[in-house]
Amino acid sequence: MFKVDFDNPCKIHFIGIGGISMSGLAEILVKEGFTVTGSDVKESETTEILKSLGVKIYIGQVRENITDDINIVVYTAAISRDNEEFLEAKRRNIPMLTRAELLGQIMSFYKYSIAVSGTHGKTTTTAMLAHILLAAEKDPTISIGGMLDIINGNIRVGHTDYFVTEACEYTNSYHALTPFVSIILNVDADHLDFFSGIEEIAESFKTFAEKTPENGVVILNGDMKYTDYIRKDLKCKVITFGLNEDNDYRAADITIDEEGHSSYTLITHGTERGKIYLSTTGVHNAVNSLSAIAAAEFLDIDLSSVKTGLLNCHSAKRRFEYKGTTKDGVKIIDDYAHHPTEISASLKVAKQVAEGEVWCAFQPHTYTRTYALLDEFADALSHCDHILLADIYAAREKDNHMVSSHDLADKLTERGADALYLGDFDSIEKFILKNCKKNDMLITMGAGNIDIIGENLLSY
């Protein structure tokens, strides 16, 4: 396998450079002196930023973009094997790396690398760690799967041995990483277009944990069903966190304020350490923050910097993000939640803080996830006062006609929920304008482009 060398920069081409993670890695390499080119199917704010850094961007993916002076080609799991650039790179015998393999190689240049994994909460927890490291003046390199205000984007290139990133389980891509600090927030059923079920997912997280070197640490949610299975036979240090009393790091006396922000008493190894105040929402983020605290203290970061970082962290964009209030007095929240567990957590916060009724405009994400977890989606959404359903966002998939948002509406109706399938965004916007009242809260929810609805409503 081709090895990237920071001491010997070369020319690297990215197929699909506009993606949030690909663009971040490209920016790191540019700032390390590499010559970077890349292609995408359309222009975007991300491709414009990369252009401003000197990256040559091709719109459209054709074989002519692959030239003999390219030393290595990087691609993602979303790139089909009949992609013209992919096939041309193969024909020319140009070395190729997946995005995850490149990330793993980049991380190897940092002594204190931190990888945040888990079915849910990766972006927010990575944001917490980013804020902590910055508060402690560690000048970290940060790669995050969302836009973070404190770094004005999704990437920050530092000049020290500290590196923090997300580690995604999809296609087992995080198995290419060997982080010094490995965090596992939770293990849940997802990405069932790739995994056969929850047992294979748990096995995948165990393999990820085993990648941690012996002098490193695995920071593991101690409240999970699979905790003992994952930690068994690990040769490195293991730290647990959660709500149960036998965890190394524990949150007690959790309270939620009127904006949904949580605070709690930190207890480590049975000793009370004082109050922790968060600017992120919900009990779930209180639990996730424990992993960030454990990682920071393992790296000898003082608790004062930890508290400052956590208080300053408002998470990344699209994580229970307040967008504004319409002229009719409807509060607009946008949330990336696209799994039943995430939806339940976000709607619980919404019900706690909303003055009026809670409306959810939900766009399911991928057909396989919707089909596999249809009942779970209905259970999670049924706690909302009103649910408006958009068509399924296909992402990397094609419609197999096995499931639709109609089916989810039917499941919700069976549970007695006020659910309505409207399909397109224009119909949803018109319904909201007619039916939402002053002091109601509207959450646009999903990992697709449902946030457009909130932006349009605020522009009226």
Protein backbone atom coordinates (compact mmCIF):
# COMPACT_ATOMS: atom_id res chain seq x y z
CA MET A 1 0.00 0.00 0.00
CA PHE A 2 1.20 3.50 -0.86
CA LYS A 3 2.36 5.43 2.24
CA VAL A 4 1.76 9.15 2.49
CA ASP A 5 4.84 10.94 3.83
CA PHE A 6 4.55 14.45 5.26
CA ASP A 7 8.30 14.92 4.65
CA ASN A 8 7.92 14.13 0.94
CA PRO A 9 4.74 15.77 -0.39
CA CYS A 10 3.41 14.42 -3.68
CA LYS A 11 0.39 14.93 -5.96
CA ILE A 12 -2.89 13.45 -4.74
CA HIS A 13 -6.24 13.35 -6.55
CA PHE A 14 -9.55 13.00 -4.68
CA ILE A 15 -12.59 11.43 -6.38
CA GLY A 16 -15.53 13.15 -4.68
CA ILE A 17 -13.52 15.93 -3.06
CA GLY A 18 -16.62 17.96 -2.11
CA GLY A 19 -17.69 15.58 0.64
CA ILE A 20 -17.36 16.84 4.20
CA SER A 21 -14.67 14.34 5.21
CA MET A 22 -12.81 14.24 1.89
CA SER A 23 -12.53 18.02 1.74
CA GLY A 24 -11.13 18.09 5.26
CA LEU A 25 -8.38 15.60 4.47
CA ALA A 26 -7.59 17.46 1.26
CA GLU A 27 -7.18 20.70 3.21
CA ILE A 28 -4.80 19.05 5.69
CA LEU A 29 -2.62 17.80 2.82
CA VAL A 30 -2.63 21.18 1.06
CA LYS A 31 -1.39 22.85 4.21
CA GLU A 32 1.31 20.18 4.54
CA GLY A 33 2.63 21.08 1.10
CA PHE A 34 0.98 18.42 -1.09
CA THR A 35 -0.33 19.21 -4.57
CA VAL A 36 -4.04 18.35 -4.49
CA THR A 37 -6.60 18.00 -7.26
CA GLY A 38 -10.11 16.66 -7.04
CA SER A 39 -13.42 16.14 -8.76
CA ASP A 40 -17.07 16.27 -7.81
CA VAL A 41 -20.42 16.07 -9.55
CA LYS A 42 -21.33 19.69 -8.77
CA GLU A 43 -19.91 22.92 -7.45
CA SER A 44 -20.48 23.76 -3.80
CA GLU A 45 -19.32 26.11 -1.08
CA THR A 46 -16.79 23.41 -0.13
CA THR A 47 -15.28 23.19 -3.62
CA GLU A 48 -15.03 26.99 -3.74
CA ILE A 49 -13.11 27.02 -0.45
CA LEU A 50 -10.73 24.37 -1.79
CA LYS A 51 -10.21 26.40 -4.97
CA SER A 52 -9.22 29.38 -2.84
CA LEU A 53 -6.52 27.19 -1.26
CA GLY A 54 -5.06 26.37 -4.67
CA VAL A 55 -6.78 23.03 -5.29
CA LYS A 56 -7.62 22.33 -8.94
CA ILE A 57 -11.26 21.23 -9.02
CA TYR A 58 -12.93 19.33 -11.85
CA ILE A 59 -16.73 19.42 -12.03
CA GLY A 60 -17.73 16.11 -13.54
CA GLN A 61 -15.88 12.83 -13.14
CA VAL A 62 -14.34 11.75 -16.41
CA ARG A 63 -11.24 9.73 -17.26
CA GLU A 64 -9.40 12.79 -18.61
CA ASN A 65 -9.09 14.10 -15.03
CA ILE A 66 -6.64 11.30 -14.26
CA THR A 67 -3.16 12.21 -15.46
CA ASP A 68 0.20 10.46 -15.29
CA ASP A 69 1.67 12.96 -12.83
CA ILE A 70 -0.78 11.90 -10.10
CA ASN A 71 1.00 9.82 -7.45
CA ILE A 72 -2.08 8.58 -5.60
CA VAL A 73 -5.87 8.59 -5.95
CA VAL A 74 -8.21 8.73 -2.94
CA TYR A 75 -11.85 7.66 -3.12
CA THR A 76 -14.80 7.02 -0.81
CA ALA A 77 -17.14 4.09 -0.35
CA ALA A 78 -19.80 6.07 -2.23
CA ILE A 79 -17.77 5.95 -5.48
CA SER A 80 -19.07 3.21 -7.76
CA ARG A 81 -16.59 0.81 -9.29
CA ASP A 82 -17.68 1.86 -12.80
CA ASN A 83 -16.77 5.50 -12.12
CA GLU A 84 -14.64 6.72 -15.06
CA GLU A 85 -11.91 8.18 -12.85
CA PHE A 86 -11.75 5.07 -10.71
CA LEU A 87 -11.41 2.84 -13.77
CA GLU A 88 -8.79 5.12 -15.36
CA ALA A 89 -6.69 5.16 -12.19
CA LYS A 90 -6.83 1.37 -12.15
CA ARG A 91 -5.86 1.21 -15.84
CA ARG A 92 -2.85 3.46 -15.24
CA ASN A 93 -1.85 1.45 -12.13
CA ILE A 94 -1.89 4.56 -9.97
CA PRO A 95 -1.84 3.62 -6.27
CA MET A 96 -5.26 4.08 -4.63
CA LEU A 97 -6.39 4.60 -1.05
CA THR A 98 -9.83 4.73 0.47
CA ARG A 99 -10.69 7.85 2.46
CA ALA A 100 -10.37 5.84 5.68
CA GLU A 101 -6.96 4.45 4.72
CA LEU A 102 -5.73 7.98 4.05
CA LEU A 103 -7.17 9.19 7.36
CA GLY A 104 -5.38 6.37 9.15
CA GLN A 105 -2.08 7.30 7.53
CA ILE A 106 -2.49 10.98 8.37
CA MET A 107 -3.31 10.13 11.99
CA SER A 108 -0.09 8.13 12.29
CA PHE A 109 1.86 11.40 12.15
CA TYR A 110 0.25 12.57 15.41
CA LYS A 111 1.31 11.16 18.78
CA TYR A 112 -1.97 11.98 20.52
CA SER A 113 -4.63 10.94 18.03
CA ILE A 114 -8.23 10.65 19.21
CA ALA A 115 -10.94 8.85 17.22
CA VAL A 116 -14.58 9.24 18.24
CA SER A 117 -16.78 6.31 17.20
CA GLY A 118 -20.32 5.20 17.94
CA THR A 119 -23.64 4.87 16.16
CA HIS A 120 -24.75 8.27 17.48
CA GLY A 121 -23.15 11.43 18.80
CA LYS A 122 -19.80 11.39 17.00
CA THR A 123 -19.91 14.92 15.62
CA THR A 124 -21.05 16.58 18.84
CA THR A 125 -18.52 14.67 20.96
CA THR A 126 -15.74 15.53 18.51
CA ALA A 127 -16.84 19.15 18.81
CA MET A 128 -16.59 18.90 22.60
CA LEU A 129 -13.05 17.56 22.37
CA ALA A 130 -12.13 20.25 19.86
CA HIS A 131 -13.28 22.94 22.27
CA ILE A 132 -11.44 21.32 25.18
CA LEU A 133 -8.15 21.03 23.26
CA LEU A 134 -8.43 24.63 22.10
CA ALA A 135 -9.26 25.84 25.62
CA ALA A 136 -6.16 23.99 26.84
CA GLU A 137 -4.11 25.72 24.09
CA LYS A 138 -2.99 22.42 22.57
CA ASP A 139 -3.20 23.77 18.98
CA PRO A 140 -4.86 20.56 17.68
CA THR A 141 -5.61 19.37 14.18
CA ILE A 142 -9.35 18.78 13.97
CA SER A 143 -11.39 16.88 11.37
CA ILE A 144 -15.12 16.86 12.06
CA GLY A 145 -18.18 15.69 10.14
CA GLY A 146 -19.98 19.01 10.38
CA MET A 147 -19.42 22.75 10.32
CA LEU A 148 -18.02 24.05 13.60
CA ASP A 149 -18.14 27.78 14.32
CA ILE A 150 -15.00 27.89 16.46
CA ILE A 151 -12.87 26.71 13.52
CA ASN A 152 -15.04 28.31 10.81
CA GLY A 153 -15.57 25.01 9.02
CA ASN A 154 -14.96 21.30 9.32
CA ILE A 155 -11.16 21.28 9.49
CA ARG A 156 -8.41 22.94 11.48
CA VAL A 157 -4.74 22.27 10.85
CA GLY A 158 -2.69 22.61 14.01
CA HIS A 159 1.03 22.38 14.63
CA THR A 160 1.28 19.91 17.52
CA ASP A 161 0.90 16.17 18.16
CA TYR A 162 -2.84 16.46 18.92
CA PHE A 163 -5.37 15.22 16.35
CA VAL A 164 -9.09 14.56 16.86
CA THR A 165 -11.48 13.10 14.32
CA GLU A 166 -14.65 11.08 13.90
CA ALA A 167 -14.45 7.37 13.16
CA CYS A 168 -17.35 5.98 11.14
CA GLU A 169 -18.31 2.32 11.28
CA TYR A 170 -19.95 2.22 7.82
CA THR A 171 -18.18 -0.36 5.60
CA ASN A 172 -15.83 -0.91 8.58
CA SER A 173 -13.84 2.10 7.39
CA TYR A 174 -12.60 2.91 10.90
CA HIS A 175 -10.67 -0.36 10.98
CA ALA A 176 -8.01 1.50 8.98
CA LEU A 177 -7.31 3.69 12.04
CA THR A 178 -4.97 3.06 14.98
CA PRO A 179 -5.80 5.91 17.36
CA PHE A 180 -4.02 6.49 20.66
CA VAL A 181 -7.40 7.27 22.24
CA SER A 182 -10.41 5.32 20.96
CA ILE A 183 -13.88 6.40 22.08
CA ILE A 184 -16.98 4.21 21.63
CA LEU A 185 -20.10 6.19 22.49
CA ASN A 186 -22.74 3.54 21.79
CA VAL A 187 -23.52 0.50 19.67
CA ASP A 188 -26.88 0.42 17.88
CA ALA A 189 -28.42 -1.10 14.77
CA ASP A 190 -27.71 1.08 11.73
CA HIS A 191 -26.21 0.90 8.23
CA LEU A 192 -28.11 -2.32 7.65
CA ASP A 193 -27.39 -2.08 3.94
CA PHE A 194 -23.88 -3.17 4.93
CA PHE A 195 -24.15 -4.99 8.28
CA SER A 196 -26.24 -8.13 8.68
CA GLY A 197 -27.47 -7.05 12.12
CA ILE A 198 -26.54 -5.81 15.57
CA GLU A 199 -24.23 -8.73 16.38
CA GLU A 200 -22.04 -7.99 13.37
CA ILE A 201 -22.05 -4.30 14.33
CA ALA A 202 -20.88 -5.15 17.86
CA GLU A 203 -18.12 -7.32 16.37
CA SER A 204 -17.09 -4.39 14.19
CA PHE A 205 -16.75 -2.08 17.20
CA LYS A 206 -14.74 -4.74 19.03
CA THR A 207 -12.33 -4.93 16.10
CA PHE A 208 -12.03 -1.14 16.17
CA ALA A 209 -11.20 -1.23 19.89
CA GLU A 210 -8.53 -3.85 19.25
CA LYS A 211 -6.72 -1.44 16.91
CA THR A 212 -5.77 0.73 19.91
CA PRO A 213 -2.08 0.33 20.87
CA GLU A 214 -1.20 -1.12 24.27
CA ASN A 215 -0.07 2.24 25.63
CA GLY A 216 -3.33 3.87 24.50
CA VAL A 217 -6.85 3.76 25.91
CA VAL A 218 -10.35 2.68 24.91
CA ILE A 219 -13.03 4.90 26.45
CA LEU A 220 -16.20 2.85 26.41
CA ASN A 221 -19.85 3.44 27.28
CA GLY A 222 -20.28 1.22 30.32
CA ASP A 223 -24.07 1.15 30.18
CA MET A 224 -24.32 -0.83 26.93
CA LYS A 225 -25.31 -4.42 26.38
CA TYR A 226 -22.04 -5.02 24.51
CA THR A 227 -19.60 -3.37 26.93
CA ASP A 228 -18.14 -6.58 28.36
CA TYR A 229 -17.92 -8.19 24.93
CA ILE A 230 -15.98 -5.25 23.45
CA ARG A 231 -13.56 -4.83 26.34
CA LYS A 232 -12.77 -8.56 26.71
CA ASP A 233 -9.08 -9.35 26.10
CA LEU A 234 -8.14 -5.76 25.20
CA LYS A 235 -4.46 -5.20 25.93
CA CYS A 236 -4.75 -1.44 26.42
CA LYS A 237 -6.23 0.56 29.28
CA VAL A 238 -10.07 0.74 29.36
CA ILE A 239 -12.08 3.59 30.92
CA THR A 240 -15.86 3.35 31.19
CA PHE A 241 -18.40 6.16 31.34
CA GLY A 242 -22.15 6.39 31.75
CA LEU A 243 -24.93 6.75 34.30
CA ASN A 244 -24.50 3.48 36.19
CA GLU A 245 -22.59 3.68 39.47
CA ASP A 246 -19.89 1.20 38.45
CA ASN A 247 -18.56 3.43 35.65
CA ASP A 248 -15.21 5.18 36.02
CA TYR A 249 -16.73 8.49 34.86
CA ARG A 250 -20.33 9.13 35.85
CA ALA A 251 -22.89 11.93 35.66
CA ALA A 252 -25.19 12.38 38.67
CA ASP A 253 -28.02 14.81 39.38
CA ILE A 254 -28.50 15.76 35.71
CA THR A 255 -30.67 18.84 35.19
CA ILE A 256 -31.97 20.44 31.99
CA ASP A 257 -32.50 24.20 31.76
CA GLU A 258 -35.18 26.06 29.80
CA GLU A 259 -33.03 25.97 26.64
CA GLY A 260 -32.42 22.23 26.92
CA HIS A 261 -28.80 22.57 28.10
CA SER A 262 -27.71 20.03 30.69
CA SER A 263 -25.58 20.22 33.81
CA TYR A 264 -24.52 17.50 36.23
CA THR A 265 -22.23 16.49 39.05
CA LEU A 266 -19.10 14.77 37.74
CA ILE A 267 -18.09 11.65 39.65
CA THR A 268 -14.86 9.82 38.79
CA HIS A 269 -13.94 6.57 40.49
CA GLY A 270 -16.52 7.33 43.20
CA THR A 271 -15.26 10.86 43.96
CA GLU A 272 -17.35 13.97 43.33
CA ARG A 273 -15.45 16.50 41.18
CA GLY A 274 -17.91 19.39 41.01
CA LYS A 275 -20.49 20.61 38.49
CA ILE A 276 -20.19 20.39 34.71
CA TYR A 277 -22.21 22.84 32.63
CA LEU A 278 -22.93 22.18 28.96
CA SER A 279 -24.18 24.33 26.11
CA THR A 280 -25.31 21.24 24.21
CA THR A 281 -28.77 19.77 24.75
CA GLY A 282 -30.18 16.71 26.45
CA VAL A 283 -29.20 13.88 28.75
CA HIS A 284 -27.59 12.02 25.87
CA ASN A 285 -25.02 14.78 25.41
CA ALA A 286 -24.35 14.84 29.14
CA VAL A 287 -23.42 11.17 28.87
CA ASN A 288 -21.31 11.72 25.75
CA SER A 289 -19.46 14.59 27.42
CA LEU A 290 -18.14 12.12 30.00
CA SER A 291 -16.13 10.41 27.26
CA ALA A 292 -14.59 13.73 26.26
CA ILE A 293 -13.66 14.45 29.88
CA ALA A 294 -12.10 11.00 30.24
CA ALA A 295 -10.07 11.45 27.05
CA ALA A 296 -8.87 14.89 28.11
CA GLU A 297 -7.78 13.72 31.55
CA PHE A 298 -5.99 10.70 30.06
CA LEU A 299 -4.01 13.27 28.06
CA ASP A 300 -3.27 15.24 31.26
CA ILE A 301 -5.50 18.20 30.40
CA ASP A 302 -6.62 20.06 33.51
CA LEU A 303 -10.26 20.04 34.58
CA SER A 304 -10.50 23.83 34.35
CA SER A 305 -9.79 23.71 30.60
CA VAL A 306 -12.24 20.82 30.27
CA LYS A 307 -15.02 22.82 31.93
CA THR A 308 -14.30 25.89 29.82
CA GLY A 309 -14.26 23.89 26.60
CA LEU A 310 -17.52 22.10 27.36
CA LEU A 311 -19.31 25.30 28.33
CA ASN A 312 -18.18 26.99 25.12
CA CYS A 313 -19.21 24.08 22.91
CA HIS A 314 -22.51 24.65 21.16
CA SER A 315 -22.00 21.59 18.93
CA ALA A 316 -21.79 21.60 15.17
CA LYS A 317 -24.34 22.86 12.68
CA ARG A 318 -27.58 20.88 12.37
CA ARG A 319 -27.45 19.41 15.88
CA PHE A 320 -30.61 20.78 17.55
CA GLU A 321 -29.63 24.10 16.02
CA TYR A 322 -31.86 27.12 16.62
CA LYS A 323 -32.34 28.77 13.23
CA GLY A 324 -34.67 31.62 14.15
CA THR A 325 -38.31 32.52 14.77
CA THR A 326 -40.76 33.19 11.94
CA LYS A 327 -42.80 36.39 11.73
CA ASP A 328 -45.74 34.34 13.07
CA GLY A 329 -43.78 33.39 16.20
CA VAL A 330 -42.86 29.78 15.32
CA LYS A 331 -39.44 28.73 16.61
CA ILE A 332 -37.42 26.85 13.96
CA ILE A 333 -34.95 24.14 15.05
CA ASP A 334 -32.89 22.03 12.66
CA ASP A 335 -31.60 18.60 13.62
CA TYR A 336 -29.51 16.04 11.74
CA ALA A 337 -31.13 13.11 13.61
CA HIS A 338 -31.85 10.26 11.19
CA HIS A 339 -31.92 7.18 13.44
CA PRO A 340 -34.73 6.34 15.93
CA THR A 341 -32.42 6.65 18.94
CA GLU A 342 -31.29 10.10 17.84
CA ILE A 343 -34.85 11.17 17.05
CA SER A 344 -36.08 10.12 20.49
CA ALA A 345 -33.29 12.07 22.19
CA SER A 346 -33.94 15.24 20.21
CA LEU A 347 -37.73 15.12 20.57
CA LYS A 348 -37.39 14.58 24.32
CA VAL A 349 -35.43 17.83 24.55
CA ALA A 350 -37.96 19.59 22.31
CA LYS A 351 -40.90 18.55 24.49
CA GLN A 352 -39.04 19.81 27.57
CA VAL A 353 -38.30 23.28 26.23
CA ALA A 354 -41.11 24.11 23.77
CA GLU A 355 -43.66 26.70 24.87
CA GLY A 356 -46.34 25.45 22.48
CA GLU A 357 -46.81 22.31 20.41
CA VAL A 358 -43.92 20.48 18.75
CA TRP A 359 -44.08 19.88 15.01
CA CYS A 360 -41.58 17.66 13.25
CA ALA A 361 -40.99 17.80 9.49
CA PHE A 362 -39.12 14.53 9.01
CA GLN A 363 -37.23 13.30 5.95
CA PRO A 364 -36.23 9.63 6.29
CA HIS A 365 -32.67 8.90 5.17
CA THR A 366 -32.08 5.91 2.86
CA TYR A 367 -34.54 3.17 1.95
CA THR A 368 -32.66 0.37 3.71
CA ARG A 369 -32.58 2.20 7.06
CA THR A 370 -36.27 3.16 6.79
CA TYR A 371 -37.31 -0.37 5.88
CA ALA A 372 -35.21 -2.09 8.55
CA LEU A 373 -36.24 0.26 11.37
CA LEU A 374 -39.77 1.26 10.30
CA ASP A 375 -41.43 0.35 13.61
CA GLU A 376 -38.64 2.00 15.60
CA PHE A 377 -39.03 5.21 13.58
CA ALA A 378 -42.76 5.19 14.27
CA ASP A 379 -42.19 4.66 18.00
CA ALA A 380 -39.66 7.51 18.17
CA LEU A 381 -41.70 10.02 16.18
CA SER A 382 -45.03 9.21 17.83
CA HIS A 383 -44.07 11.26 20.90
CA CYS A 384 -44.21 14.43 18.81
CA ASP A 385 -47.44 16.46 18.69
CA HIS A 386 -47.55 16.61 14.88
CA ILE A 387 -45.44 14.82 12.25
CA LEU A 388 -45.17 15.91 8.61
CA LEU A 389 -43.39 13.42 6.38
CA ALA A 390 -41.29 14.18 3.33
CA ASP A 391 -40.24 11.61 0.77
CA ILE A 392 -37.24 9.42 1.62
CA TYR A 393 -33.83 10.94 0.87
CA ALA A 394 -32.09 8.29 -1.24
CA ALA A 395 -28.46 9.36 -0.62
CA ARG A 396 -26.30 6.57 -2.08
CA GLU A 397 -29.27 4.25 -2.80
CA LYS A 398 -31.86 3.68 -5.49
CA ASP A 399 -35.57 3.28 -4.76
CA ASN A 400 -36.26 -0.44 -4.36
CA HIS A 401 -40.00 0.20 -3.86
CA MET A 402 -39.93 -1.81 -0.64
CA VAL A 403 -40.78 1.15 1.59
CA SER A 404 -41.97 4.74 1.38
CA SER A 405 -42.86 7.58 3.71
CA HIS A 406 -46.50 6.54 3.20
CA ASP A 407 -45.69 3.37 5.15
CA LEU A 408 -44.22 5.38 8.01
CA ALA A 409 -47.30 7.61 8.08
CA ASP A 410 -49.48 4.51 8.35
CA LYS A 411 -47.40 3.13 11.22
CA LEU A 412 -47.66 6.44 13.07
CA THR A 413 -51.42 6.61 12.55
CA GLU A 414 -51.75 3.11 13.98
CA ARG A 415 -50.07 4.42 17.13
CA GLY A 416 -52.54 7.28 17.40
CA ALA A 417 -50.08 9.94 16.29
CA ASP A 418 -51.05 13.00 14.26
CA ALA A 419 -49.01 12.18 11.18
CA LEU A 420 -49.42 13.35 7.60
CA TYR A 421 -47.50 12.37 4.48
CA LEU A 422 -47.03 15.42 2.24
CA GLY A 423 -43.99 14.36 0.21
CA ASP A 424 -42.52 17.50 -1.29
CA PHE A 425 -41.08 20.46 0.60
CA ASP A 426 -43.42 23.02 -0.96
CA SER A 427 -46.48 21.19 0.36
CA ILE A 428 -44.91 20.93 3.82
CA GLU A 429 -44.09 24.65 3.90
CA LYS A 430 -47.63 25.61 2.91
CA PHE A 431 -49.12 23.32 5.57
CA ILE A 432 -46.87 24.77 8.26
CA LEU A 433 -47.70 28.35 7.31
CA LYS A 434 -51.39 27.54 7.60
CA ASN A 435 -51.35 25.42 10.76
CA CYS A 436 -48.41 26.29 13.04
CA LYS A 437 -49.28 28.80 15.78
CA LYS A 438 -47.34 31.36 17.78
CA ASN A 439 -44.97 29.73 20.32
CA ASP A 440 -45.06 26.38 18.49
CA MET A 441 -41.72 24.72 17.69
CA LEU A 442 -40.94 23.24 14.27
CA ILE A 443 -38.04 20.81 13.97
CA THR A 444 -36.79 20.05 10.48
CA MET A 445 -35.22 16.64 10.97
CA GLY A 446 -33.10 14.30 8.88
CA ALA A 447 -29.66 13.90 7.32
CA GLY A 448 -30.77 15.02 3.86
CA ASN A 449 -31.75 18.53 2.75
CA ILE A 450 -34.88 19.02 4.88
CA ASP A 451 -33.25 22.09 6.49
CA ILE A 452 -34.24 24.03 3.36
CA ILE A 453 -37.81 24.18 4.70
CA GLY A 454 -36.80 26.10 7.82
CA GLU A 455 -34.64 28.51 5.83
CA ASN A 456 -37.53 29.22 3.46
CA LEU A 457 -40.02 29.78 6.29
CA LEU A 458 -37.69 32.27 7.95
CA SER A 459 -37.33 34.20 4.70
CA TYR A 460 -41.07 34.94 4.36
